[in-house]
Amino acid sequence: MDQGPRSWVSRVPKRITITVPYSTFRNLEERSVAEGRSLSNLAAYVLERGLQRSEQG
């Protein structure tokens, strides 16, 4: 990670594009509807939680 004088810039949310299997897309889509949130918001949340769990061991 960049730790230079402009490291604050890296804290701004970033947009990425990923390709997932159709079954993963459908699961995310169904869950996003059930939870009343956007597909993008749910995908970001699931990804963030997965990274947190992997860092915890």
C-alpha atoms as a PDB file:
ATOM      1  CA  MET A   1       0.000   0.000   0.000  1.00  0.00           C
ATOM      2  CA  ASP A   2       1.089   3.528  -0.686  1.00  0.00           C
ATOM      3  CA  GLN A   3       2.239   5.215   2.515  1.00  0.00           C
ATOM      4  CA  GLY A   4       3.450   8.429   0.877  1.00  0.00           C
ATOM      5  CA  PRO A   5       2.230  11.969   1.520  1.00  0.00           C
ATOM      6  CA  ARG A   6      -0.864  11.368  -0.614  1.00  0.00           C
ATOM      7  CA  SER A   7      -1.914   8.145   1.145  1.00  0.00           C
ATOM      8  CA  TRP A   8      -5.212   9.813   2.089  1.00  0.00           C
ATOM      9  CA  VAL A   9      -6.227   9.534  -1.563  1.00  0.00           C
ATOM     10  CA  SER A  10      -6.250   5.741  -1.265  1.00  0.00           C
ATOM     11  CA  ARG A  11      -8.964   5.981   1.394  1.00  0.00           C
ATOM     12  CA  VAL A  12     -11.488   7.220  -1.141  1.00  0.00           C
ATOM     13  CA  PRO A  13     -13.781   4.355  -2.236  1.00  0.00           C
ATOM     14  CA  LYS A  14     -12.650   2.807  -5.509  1.00  0.00           C
ATOM     15  CA  ARG A  15     -14.678   1.202  -8.276  1.00  0.00           C
ATOM     16  CA  ILE A  16     -13.697  -2.208  -9.652  1.00  0.00           C
ATOM     17  CA  THR A  17     -15.162  -4.602 -12.188  1.00  0.00           C
ATOM     18  CA  ILE A  18     -15.123  -8.355 -11.589  1.00  0.00           C
ATOM     19  CA  THR A  19     -16.464 -11.401 -13.381  1.00  0.00           C
ATOM     20  CA  VAL A  20     -18.280 -14.002 -11.274  1.00  0.00           C
ATOM     21  CA  PRO A  21     -19.938 -17.291 -12.154  1.00  0.00           C
ATOM     22  CA  TYR A  22     -23.629 -17.010 -13.017  1.00  0.00           C
ATOM     23  CA  SER A  23     -24.594 -18.940  -9.869  1.00  0.00           C
ATOM     24  CA  THR A  24     -22.708 -16.421  -7.708  1.00  0.00           C
ATOM     25  CA  PHE A  25     -24.430 -13.554  -9.498  1.00  0.00           C
ATOM     26  CA  ARG A  26     -27.857 -15.130  -8.913  1.00  0.00           C
ATOM     27  CA  ASN A  27     -27.102 -15.724  -5.227  1.00  0.00           C
ATOM     28  CA  LEU A  28     -26.005 -12.117  -4.787  1.00  0.00           C
ATOM     29  CA  GLU A  29     -29.011 -10.849  -6.726  1.00  0.00           C
ATOM     30  CA  GLU A  30     -31.506 -12.882  -4.688  1.00  0.00           C
ATOM     31  CA  ARG A  31     -29.894 -11.876  -1.400  1.00  0.00           C
ATOM     32  CA  SER A  32     -29.764  -8.195  -2.373  1.00  0.00           C
ATOM     33  CA  VAL A  33     -33.502  -8.229  -3.084  1.00  0.00           C
ATOM     34  CA  ALA A  34     -34.225 -10.068   0.181  1.00  0.00           C
ATOM     35  CA  GLU A  35     -32.140  -7.560   2.158  1.00  0.00           C
ATOM     36  CA  GLY A  36     -33.427  -4.496   0.298  1.00  0.00           C
ATOM     37  CA  ARG A  37     -29.987  -3.317  -0.794  1.00  0.00           C
ATOM     38  CA  SER A  38     -28.307  -2.816  -4.129  1.00  0.00           C
ATOM     39  CA  LEU A  39     -26.352  -5.618  -5.725  1.00  0.00           C
ATOM     40  CA  SER A  40     -23.242  -3.423  -5.710  1.00  0.00           C
ATOM     41  CA  ASN A  41     -23.618  -2.594  -2.018  1.00  0.00           C
ATOM     42  CA  LEU A  42     -24.087  -6.242  -1.081  1.00  0.00           C
ATOM     43  CA  ALA A  43     -21.122  -7.379  -3.196  1.00  0.00           C
ATOM     44  CA  ALA A  44     -18.870  -4.778  -1.552  1.00  0.00           C
ATOM     45  CA  TYR A  45     -20.104  -5.824   1.913  1.00  0.00           C
ATOM     46  CA  VAL A  46     -19.570  -9.550   1.248  1.00  0.00           C
ATOM     47  CA  LEU A  47     -16.092  -8.922  -0.166  1.00  0.00           C
ATOM     48  CA  GLU A  48     -15.127  -6.721   2.786  1.00  0.00           C
ATOM     49  CA  ARG A  49     -16.399  -9.279   5.324  1.00  0.00           C
ATOM     50  CA  GLY A  50     -14.541 -12.087   3.569  1.00  0.00           C
ATOM     51  CA  LEU A  51     -11.289 -10.140   3.695  1.00  0.00           C
ATOM     52  CA  GLN A  52     -11.783  -9.329   7.387  1.00  0.00           C
ATOM     53  CA  ARG A  53     -12.384 -12.987   8.196  1.00  0.00           C
ATOM     54  CA  SER A  54      -9.320 -14.143   6.254  1.00  0.00           C
ATOM     55  CA  GLU A  55      -7.158 -11.590   8.087  1.00  0.00           C
ATOM     56  CA  GLN A  56      -8.438 -12.857  11.458  1.00  0.00           C
ATOM     57  CA  GLY A  57      -7.292 -16.373  10.671  1.00  0.00           C
END
